[in-house]
Amino acid sequence: MIYPLLFGITYCLVMAYFLKKINKLNAPFMYLCVLPIIAGIADYFENIGIIVMLNSYPDITETTVSTTNMFSIIKSVSTSVFFISLILILILVAIKFLKKSMSTT
């Protein structure tokens, strides 16, 4: 149960670090740092929903299932968007590094 917390904090800081490397740690791009925190929170709510469903079996309500499913989708979408944006940011960091090394040679 500690993994979502570590995921959210670590990847938030990783994204902020690389955004700072390309001088884009400002308002619109800064919101990318929030994505792993959203994923971590959604993961906790998904886990709570699964625990509730396991404890209330066989009397599982449709509301519990749909709410747990919603948090699962939020977690998946925010994680996917985060990793896609992280890959794009890493490409920009690499381009900036290559331009800098080409200009010094």
C-alpha atoms as a PDB file:
ATOM      1  CA  MET A   1       0.000   0.000   0.000  1.00  0.00           C
ATOM      2  CA  ILE A   2       3.007   2.327   0.051  1.00  0.00           C
ATOM      3  CA  TYR A   3       3.690   1.981  -3.692  1.00  0.00           C
ATOM      4  CA  PRO A   4       1.053   4.530  -4.872  1.00  0.00           C
ATOM      5  CA  LEU A   5       2.502   7.140  -2.495  1.00  0.00           C
ATOM      6  CA  LEU A   6       6.044   6.500  -3.686  1.00  0.00           C
ATOM      7  CA  PHE A   7       4.906   6.431  -7.326  1.00  0.00           C
ATOM      8  CA  GLY A   8       3.138   9.779  -7.012  1.00  0.00           C
ATOM      9  CA  ILE A   9       5.936  11.587  -5.203  1.00  0.00           C
ATOM     10  CA  THR A  10       8.818  10.116  -7.191  1.00  0.00           C
ATOM     11  CA  TYR A  11       7.369  10.642 -10.640  1.00  0.00           C
ATOM     12  CA  CYS A  12       6.123  14.115  -9.733  1.00  0.00           C
ATOM     13  CA  LEU A  13       9.687  15.056  -8.828  1.00  0.00           C
ATOM     14  CA  VAL A  14      11.123  13.314 -11.921  1.00  0.00           C
ATOM     15  CA  MET A  15       8.778  15.265 -14.194  1.00  0.00           C
ATOM     16  CA  ALA A  16       9.607  18.542 -12.422  1.00  0.00           C
ATOM     17  CA  TYR A  17      13.340  17.817 -12.755  1.00  0.00           C
ATOM     18  CA  PHE A  18      13.176  17.250 -16.503  1.00  0.00           C
ATOM     19  CA  LEU A  19      10.816  20.169 -17.067  1.00  0.00           C
ATOM     20  CA  LYS A  20      13.305  22.381 -15.259  1.00  0.00           C
ATOM     21  CA  LYS A  21      16.074  21.055 -17.538  1.00  0.00           C
ATOM     22  CA  ILE A  22      14.238  22.421 -20.589  1.00  0.00           C
ATOM     23  CA  ASN A  23      13.086  25.599 -18.779  1.00  0.00           C
ATOM     24  CA  LYS A  24       9.403  24.659 -18.972  1.00  0.00           C
ATOM     25  CA  LEU A  25       8.572  24.409 -15.280  1.00  0.00           C
ATOM     26  CA  ASN A  26       5.814  26.997 -15.589  1.00  0.00           C
ATOM     27  CA  ALA A  27       2.027  27.072 -15.416  1.00  0.00           C
ATOM     28  CA  PRO A  28       0.769  24.899 -18.280  1.00  0.00           C
ATOM     29  CA  PHE A  29       3.539  22.306 -18.106  1.00  0.00           C
ATOM     30  CA  MET A  30       3.636  22.220 -14.315  1.00  0.00           C
ATOM     31  CA  TYR A  31       0.280  20.430 -14.334  1.00  0.00           C
ATOM     32  CA  LEU A  32       2.034  17.386 -15.808  1.00  0.00           C
ATOM     33  CA  CYS A  33       3.644  16.955 -12.388  1.00  0.00           C
ATOM     34  CA  VAL A  34       0.197  16.447 -10.865  1.00  0.00           C
ATOM     35  CA  LEU A  35      -0.647  13.432 -13.055  1.00  0.00           C
ATOM     36  CA  PRO A  36       1.282  10.836 -11.017  1.00  0.00           C
ATOM     37  CA  ILE A  37      -0.237  12.192  -7.810  1.00  0.00           C
ATOM     38  CA  ILE A  38      -3.708  11.799  -9.316  1.00  0.00           C
ATOM     39  CA  ALA A  39      -2.781   8.257 -10.358  1.00  0.00           C
ATOM     40  CA  GLY A  40      -1.569   7.450  -6.842  1.00  0.00           C
ATOM     41  CA  ILE A  41      -4.726   8.793  -5.203  1.00  0.00           C
ATOM     42  CA  ALA A  42      -6.918   6.928  -7.700  1.00  0.00           C
ATOM     43  CA  ASP A  43      -4.913   3.765  -6.983  1.00  0.00           C
ATOM     44  CA  TYR A  44      -5.656   4.092  -3.263  1.00  0.00           C
ATOM     45  CA  PHE A  45      -9.371   4.542  -3.928  1.00  0.00           C
ATOM     46  CA  GLU A  46      -9.336   1.591  -6.316  1.00  0.00           C
ATOM     47  CA  ASN A  47      -7.661  -0.563  -3.651  1.00  0.00           C
ATOM     48  CA  ILE A  48     -10.187   0.551  -1.046  1.00  0.00           C
ATOM     49  CA  GLY A  49     -13.004  -0.347  -3.434  1.00  0.00           C
ATOM     50  CA  ILE A  50     -11.558  -3.793  -4.054  1.00  0.00           C
ATOM     51  CA  ILE A  51     -11.170  -4.381  -0.304  1.00  0.00           C
ATOM     52  CA  VAL A  52     -14.784  -3.301   0.265  1.00  0.00           C
ATOM     53  CA  MET A  53     -15.992  -5.644  -2.479  1.00  0.00           C
ATOM     54  CA  LEU A  54     -13.984  -8.548  -1.092  1.00  0.00           C
ATOM     55  CA  ASN A  55     -15.288  -7.954   2.424  1.00  0.00           C
ATOM     56  CA  SER A  56     -18.923  -7.565   1.341  1.00  0.00           C
ATOM     57  CA  TYR A  57     -19.004 -10.590  -0.977  1.00  0.00           C
ATOM     58  CA  PRO A  58     -21.561 -11.886  -2.064  1.00  0.00           C
ATOM     59  CA  ASP A  59     -23.554  -8.698  -1.362  1.00  0.00           C
ATOM     60  CA  ILE A  60     -21.641  -6.474  -3.783  1.00  0.00           C
ATOM     61  CA  THR A  61     -23.510  -3.366  -4.890  1.00  0.00           C
ATOM     62  CA  GLU A  62     -23.411  -2.002  -8.407  1.00  0.00           C
ATOM     63  CA  THR A  63     -22.390   1.391  -7.020  1.00  0.00           C
ATOM     64  CA  THR A  64     -19.268  -0.075  -5.423  1.00  0.00           C
ATOM     65  CA  VAL A  65     -18.324  -1.856  -8.632  1.00  0.00           C
ATOM     66  CA  SER A  66     -18.864   1.197 -10.851  1.00  0.00           C
ATOM     67  CA  THR A  67     -17.039   3.525  -8.441  1.00  0.00           C
ATOM     68  CA  THR A  68     -14.071   1.166  -8.188  1.00  0.00           C
ATOM     69  CA  ASN A  69     -14.068   0.832 -11.974  1.00  0.00           C
ATOM     70  CA  MET A  70     -14.098   4.629 -12.348  1.00  0.00           C
ATOM     71  CA  PHE A  71     -11.038   4.975 -10.122  1.00  0.00           C
ATOM     72  CA  SER A  72      -9.317   2.196 -12.058  1.00  0.00           C
ATOM     73  CA  ILE A  73      -9.914   4.053 -15.325  1.00  0.00           C
ATOM     74  CA  ILE A  74      -8.725   7.361 -13.816  1.00  0.00           C
ATOM     75  CA  LYS A  75      -5.554   5.637 -12.620  1.00  0.00           C
ATOM     76  CA  SER A  76      -4.915   4.011 -15.992  1.00  0.00           C
ATOM     77  CA  VAL A  77      -5.549   7.148 -18.044  1.00  0.00           C
ATOM     78  CA  SER A  78      -3.500   9.454 -15.829  1.00  0.00           C
ATOM     79  CA  THR A  79      -0.622   6.956 -15.730  1.00  0.00           C
ATOM     80  CA  SER A  80      -0.669   6.524 -19.507  1.00  0.00           C
ATOM     81  CA  VAL A  81      -0.815  10.264 -20.170  1.00  0.00           C
ATOM     82  CA  PHE A  82       1.993  10.811 -17.677  1.00  0.00           C
ATOM     83  CA  PHE A  83       4.343   8.275 -19.246  1.00  0.00           C
ATOM     84  CA  ILE A  84       3.622   9.510 -22.774  1.00  0.00           C
ATOM     85  CA  SER A  85       4.340  13.078 -21.700  1.00  0.00           C
ATOM     86  CA  LEU A  86       7.472  11.950 -19.825  1.00  0.00           C
ATOM     87  CA  ILE A  87       8.775  10.268 -22.976  1.00  0.00           C
ATOM     88  CA  LEU A  88       8.122  13.436 -24.979  1.00  0.00           C
ATOM     89  CA  ILE A  89       9.857  15.576 -22.340  1.00  0.00           C
ATOM     90  CA  LEU A  90      12.839  13.198 -22.340  1.00  0.00           C
ATOM     91  CA  ILE A  91      13.056  13.529 -26.120  1.00  0.00           C
ATOM     92  CA  LEU A  92      13.105  17.319 -25.739  1.00  0.00           C
ATOM     93  CA  VAL A  93      15.818  17.046 -23.073  1.00  0.00           C
ATOM     94  CA  ALA A  94      17.887  14.861 -25.395  1.00  0.00           C
ATOM     95  CA  ILE A  95      17.442  17.305 -28.289  1.00  0.00           C
ATOM     96  CA  LYS A  96      18.504  20.210 -26.079  1.00  0.00           C
ATOM     97  CA  PHE A  97      21.544  18.242 -24.893  1.00  0.00           C
ATOM     98  CA  LEU A  98      22.539  17.321 -28.448  1.00  0.00           C
ATOM     99  CA  LYS A  99      22.172  20.915 -29.634  1.00  0.00           C
ATOM    100  CA  LYS A 100      24.280  22.118 -26.741  1.00  0.00           C
ATOM    101  CA  SER A 101      27.003  19.534 -27.358  1.00  0.00           C
ATOM    102  CA  MET A 102      27.014  20.262 -31.118  1.00  0.00           C
ATOM    103  CA  SER A 103      27.430  23.985 -30.535  1.00  0.00           C
ATOM    104  CA  THR A 104      30.392  23.507 -28.193  1.00  0.00           C
ATOM    105  CA  THR A 105      32.305  21.314 -30.654  1.00  0.00           C
END
